[in-house]
Amino acid sequence: MTEETYPVLRQVVLDTTDARSLAEFYRKLLGYTYQEGDEPPAPGDDDVHGREWLTLEGPGGVAVAFQQVERLRAPTWPEGEVPQQLHLDLTVPGKEELDAQHARALDLGATLVLDSSEDPTEPLRVYTDPSGHPFCVFVSTD
């Protein structure tokens, strides 16, 4: 009998009409670094990579990539006809950190969609990034 194998999730890819700006948003929010060769160009230089595809790498091999598209219909979730389709779940160790990350997310350009930070069971906040993709930040129970 042969051992069953499985594919490995390499990265999550987000479509965006501005790959560089969205990559910068997540770089600052998550503290990830650019994959070698995807760093921003020097001021005044052409952003060749930023016109198509950029990848950020995080701890443990986790990566988020950004694919340039001409048009993007942002989700209208939780209202409207366009569902969220995909969202990122981010965790913090406690309520104090949830509040600190809330201020950071807003400063970086996120939009608050839902605030359940006072929920005694699962404190969380839901945001959209500058391209309209939803993401949650919640207190980890681990």
C-alpha atoms as a PDB file:
ATOM      1  CA  MET A   1       0.000   0.000   0.000  1.00  0.00           C
ATOM      2  CA  THR A   2       1.329   3.461  -0.916  1.00  0.00           C
ATOM      3  CA  GLU A   3       1.193   6.447   1.390  1.00  0.00           C
ATOM      4  CA  GLU A   4      -1.341   9.079   0.342  1.00  0.00           C
ATOM      5  CA  THR A   5       0.137  12.451  -0.590  1.00  0.00           C
ATOM      6  CA  TYR A   6      -1.426  15.883  -0.554  1.00  0.00           C
ATOM      7  CA  PRO A   7      -0.755  19.173  -2.311  1.00  0.00           C
ATOM      8  CA  VAL A   8       0.838  21.895  -0.197  1.00  0.00           C
ATOM      9  CA  LEU A   9      -0.672  25.372   0.005  1.00  0.00           C
ATOM     10  CA  ARG A  10       2.095  27.670  -1.175  1.00  0.00           C
ATOM     11  CA  GLN A  11       0.450  31.070  -0.948  1.00  0.00           C
ATOM     12  CA  VAL A  12      -2.761  33.050  -1.035  1.00  0.00           C
ATOM     13  CA  VAL A  13      -3.100  35.330  -4.074  1.00  0.00           C
ATOM     14  CA  LEU A  14      -5.156  38.521  -4.034  1.00  0.00           C
ATOM     15  CA  ASP A  15      -6.254  40.231  -7.239  1.00  0.00           C
ATOM     16  CA  THR A  16      -5.888  43.996  -7.210  1.00  0.00           C
ATOM     17  CA  THR A  17      -5.831  46.962  -9.552  1.00  0.00           C
ATOM     18  CA  ASP A  18      -2.709  48.264  -7.748  1.00  0.00           C
ATOM     19  CA  ALA A  19      -0.386  45.393  -6.821  1.00  0.00           C
ATOM     20  CA  ARG A  20       2.352  47.569  -5.312  1.00  0.00           C
ATOM     21  CA  SER A  21       0.021  49.555  -3.061  1.00  0.00           C
ATOM     22  CA  LEU A  22      -1.797  46.479  -1.793  1.00  0.00           C
ATOM     23  CA  ALA A  23       1.504  44.630  -1.229  1.00  0.00           C
ATOM     24  CA  GLU A  24       2.755  47.627   0.757  1.00  0.00           C
ATOM     25  CA  PHE A  25      -0.447  47.637   2.832  1.00  0.00           C
ATOM     26  CA  TYR A  26       0.036  43.982   3.807  1.00  0.00           C
ATOM     27  CA  ARG A  27       3.819  44.337   4.205  1.00  0.00           C
ATOM     28  CA  LYS A  28       3.258  47.021   6.818  1.00  0.00           C
ATOM     29  CA  LEU A  29       0.263  45.289   8.432  1.00  0.00           C
ATOM     30  CA  LEU A  30       1.884  41.840   8.732  1.00  0.00           C
ATOM     31  CA  GLY A  31       5.574  42.696   8.876  1.00  0.00           C
ATOM     32  CA  TYR A  32       6.313  40.394   5.923  1.00  0.00           C
ATOM     33  CA  THR A  33       9.178  40.962   3.497  1.00  0.00           C
ATOM     34  CA  TYR A  34       9.282  40.976  -0.272  1.00  0.00           C
ATOM     35  CA  GLN A  35      10.406  37.885  -2.093  1.00  0.00           C
ATOM     36  CA  GLU A  36      13.830  38.557  -3.566  1.00  0.00           C
ATOM     37  CA  GLY A  37      13.453  40.682  -6.694  1.00  0.00           C
ATOM     38  CA  ASP A  38      10.001  42.041  -5.792  1.00  0.00           C
ATOM     39  CA  GLU A  39      11.220  44.928  -3.619  1.00  0.00           C
ATOM     40  CA  PRO A  40      10.029  48.419  -4.626  1.00  0.00           C
ATOM     41  CA  PRO A  41      12.235  50.101  -7.219  1.00  0.00           C
ATOM     42  CA  ALA A  42      14.278  53.183  -6.479  1.00  0.00           C
ATOM     43  CA  PRO A  43      12.306  56.443  -6.734  1.00  0.00           C
ATOM     44  CA  GLY A  44      11.808  57.340 -10.386  1.00  0.00           C
ATOM     45  CA  ASP A  45      12.603  53.819 -11.651  1.00  0.00           C
ATOM     46  CA  ASP A  46      10.026  51.699 -13.487  1.00  0.00           C
ATOM     47  CA  ASP A  47       8.134  49.255 -11.225  1.00  0.00           C
ATOM     48  CA  VAL A  48       8.271  46.297 -13.615  1.00  0.00           C
ATOM     49  CA  HIS A  49       7.249  43.693 -11.025  1.00  0.00           C
ATOM     50  CA  GLY A  50       4.549  45.894  -9.533  1.00  0.00           C
ATOM     51  CA  ARG A  51       2.683  45.916 -12.840  1.00  0.00           C
ATOM     52  CA  GLU A  52       2.033  42.163 -12.756  1.00  0.00           C
ATOM     53  CA  TRP A  53       2.828  40.095  -9.652  1.00  0.00           C
ATOM     54  CA  LEU A  54       4.408  40.608  -6.238  1.00  0.00           C
ATOM     55  CA  THR A  55       5.012  38.179  -3.383  1.00  0.00           C
ATOM     56  CA  LEU A  56       5.465  38.793   0.333  1.00  0.00           C
ATOM     57  CA  GLU A  57       6.988  36.114   2.533  1.00  0.00           C
ATOM     58  CA  GLY A  58       6.247  35.589   6.185  1.00  0.00           C
ATOM     59  CA  PRO A  59       7.382  33.301   8.955  1.00  0.00           C
ATOM     60  CA  GLY A  60       7.027  29.561   8.477  1.00  0.00           C
ATOM     61  CA  GLY A  61       6.927  29.812   4.692  1.00  0.00           C
ATOM     62  CA  VAL A  62       3.572  31.589   4.587  1.00  0.00           C
ATOM     63  CA  ALA A  63       3.279  33.846   1.533  1.00  0.00           C
ATOM     64  CA  VAL A  64       0.755  36.341   0.167  1.00  0.00           C
ATOM     65  CA  ALA A  65       0.938  37.312  -3.490  1.00  0.00           C
ATOM     66  CA  PHE A  66      -0.681  40.167  -5.382  1.00  0.00           C
ATOM     67  CA  GLN A  67      -1.798  39.813  -8.983  1.00  0.00           C
ATOM     68  CA  GLN A  68      -2.428  42.914 -11.053  1.00  0.00           C
ATOM     69  CA  VAL A  69      -5.810  42.930 -12.822  1.00  0.00           C
ATOM     70  CA  GLU A  70      -7.455  45.571 -14.966  1.00  0.00           C
ATOM     71  CA  ARG A  71     -10.769  45.575 -13.078  1.00  0.00           C
ATOM     72  CA  LEU A  72     -11.878  44.248  -9.722  1.00  0.00           C
ATOM     73  CA  ARG A  73     -15.377  44.019  -8.334  1.00  0.00           C
ATOM     74  CA  ALA A  74     -14.855  44.479  -4.632  1.00  0.00           C
ATOM     75  CA  PRO A  75     -17.042  42.377  -2.337  1.00  0.00           C
ATOM     76  CA  THR A  76     -20.137  44.090  -1.008  1.00  0.00           C
ATOM     77  CA  TRP A  77     -20.405  41.575   1.846  1.00  0.00           C
ATOM     78  CA  PRO A  78     -22.080  41.519   4.312  1.00  0.00           C
ATOM     79  CA  GLU A  79     -24.665  43.415   2.243  1.00  0.00           C
ATOM     80  CA  GLY A  80     -25.312  43.319  -1.485  1.00  0.00           C
ATOM     81  CA  GLU A  81     -24.778  40.920  -4.326  1.00  0.00           C
ATOM     82  CA  VAL A  82     -21.001  40.363  -4.353  1.00  0.00           C
ATOM     83  CA  PRO A  83     -19.950  37.838  -1.653  1.00  0.00           C
ATOM     84  CA  GLN A  84     -16.612  38.044   0.140  1.00  0.00           C
ATOM     85  CA  GLN A  85     -15.409  34.921  -1.745  1.00  0.00           C
ATOM     86  CA  LEU A  86     -12.262  34.691   0.389  1.00  0.00           C
ATOM     87  CA  HIS A  87     -10.983  36.410   3.486  1.00  0.00           C
ATOM     88  CA  LEU A  88      -7.888  36.305   5.648  1.00  0.00           C
ATOM     89  CA  ASP A  89      -8.052  35.483   9.359  1.00  0.00           C
ATOM     90  CA  LEU A  90      -5.345  37.158  11.433  1.00  0.00           C
ATOM     91  CA  THR A  91      -4.899  36.571  15.154  1.00  0.00           C
ATOM     92  CA  VAL A  92      -3.469  38.518  18.067  1.00  0.00           C
ATOM     93  CA  PRO A  93      -2.766  37.249  21.597  1.00  0.00           C
ATOM     94  CA  GLY A  94      -5.098  39.550  23.538  1.00  0.00           C
ATOM     95  CA  LYS A  95      -7.633  42.388  23.590  1.00  0.00           C
ATOM     96  CA  GLU A  96      -4.966  45.043  24.129  1.00  0.00           C
ATOM     97  CA  GLU A  97      -3.160  43.903  20.977  1.00  0.00           C
ATOM     98  CA  LEU A  98      -6.494  43.769  19.109  1.00  0.00           C
ATOM     99  CA  ASP A  99      -6.961  47.453  19.875  1.00  0.00           C
ATOM    100  CA  ALA A 100      -3.376  48.316  18.913  1.00  0.00           C
ATOM    101  CA  GLN A 101      -3.710  46.489  15.594  1.00  0.00           C
ATOM    102  CA  HIS A 102      -7.042  48.206  14.971  1.00  0.00           C
ATOM    103  CA  ALA A 103      -5.354  51.610  15.023  1.00  0.00           C
ATOM    104  CA  ARG A 104      -2.544  50.312  12.761  1.00  0.00           C
ATOM    105  CA  ALA A 105      -4.966  48.794  10.256  1.00  0.00           C
ATOM    106  CA  LEU A 106      -6.933  52.040   9.964  1.00  0.00           C
ATOM    107  CA  ASP A 107      -3.744  54.108   9.645  1.00  0.00           C
ATOM    108  CA  LEU A 108      -2.604  51.844   6.807  1.00  0.00           C
ATOM    109  CA  GLY A 109      -5.863  52.317   4.882  1.00  0.00           C
ATOM    110  CA  ALA A 110      -8.138  49.501   6.050  1.00  0.00           C
ATOM    111  CA  THR A 111     -11.857  50.145   6.465  1.00  0.00           C
ATOM    112  CA  LEU A 112     -13.691  48.792   9.506  1.00  0.00           C
ATOM    113  CA  VAL A 113     -16.728  46.720   8.462  1.00  0.00           C
ATOM    114  CA  LEU A 114     -17.745  45.033  11.719  1.00  0.00           C
ATOM    115  CA  ASP A 115     -16.659  45.629  15.305  1.00  0.00           C
ATOM    116  CA  SER A 116     -17.261  42.752  17.726  1.00  0.00           C
ATOM    117  CA  SER A 117     -14.298  43.624  19.911  1.00  0.00           C
ATOM    118  CA  GLU A 118     -16.398  43.547  23.076  1.00  0.00           C
ATOM    119  CA  ASP A 119     -17.728  40.018  22.438  1.00  0.00           C
ATOM    120  CA  PRO A 120     -16.719  38.017  25.533  1.00  0.00           C
ATOM    121  CA  THR A 121     -16.437  34.756  23.588  1.00  0.00           C
ATOM    122  CA  GLU A 122     -14.600  35.845  20.433  1.00  0.00           C
ATOM    123  CA  PRO A 123     -13.477  39.485  20.291  1.00  0.00           C
ATOM    124  CA  LEU A 124     -12.814  40.452  16.674  1.00  0.00           C
ATOM    125  CA  ARG A 125     -12.952  43.153  14.047  1.00  0.00           C
ATOM    126  CA  VAL A 126     -13.598  42.744  10.337  1.00  0.00           C
ATOM    127  CA  TYR A 127     -12.008  45.116   7.829  1.00  0.00           C
ATOM    128  CA  THR A 128     -11.566  45.517   4.115  1.00  0.00           C
ATOM    129  CA  ASP A 129      -8.144  46.241   2.662  1.00  0.00           C
ATOM    130  CA  PRO A 130      -7.640  49.105   0.178  1.00  0.00           C
ATOM    131  CA  SER A 131      -8.760  46.826  -2.714  1.00  0.00           C
ATOM    132  CA  GLY A 132     -11.908  45.742  -0.856  1.00  0.00           C
ATOM    133  CA  HIS A 133     -10.800  42.255   0.290  1.00  0.00           C
ATOM    134  CA  PRO A 134     -12.168  41.419   3.740  1.00  0.00           C
ATOM    135  CA  PHE A 135      -9.931  40.303   6.583  1.00  0.00           C
ATOM    136  CA  CYS A 136     -10.555  39.595  10.252  1.00  0.00           C
ATOM    137  CA  VAL A 137      -8.373  40.263  13.255  1.00  0.00           C
ATOM    138  CA  PHE A 138      -9.411  38.308  16.321  1.00  0.00           C
ATOM    139  CA  VAL A 139      -8.066  37.269  19.690  1.00  0.00           C
ATOM    140  CA  SER A 140      -6.578  33.781  19.483  1.00  0.00           C
ATOM    141  CA  THR A 141      -7.739  31.232  22.010  1.00  0.00           C
ATOM    142  CA  ASP A 142      -4.483  29.233  21.619  1.00  0.00           C
END
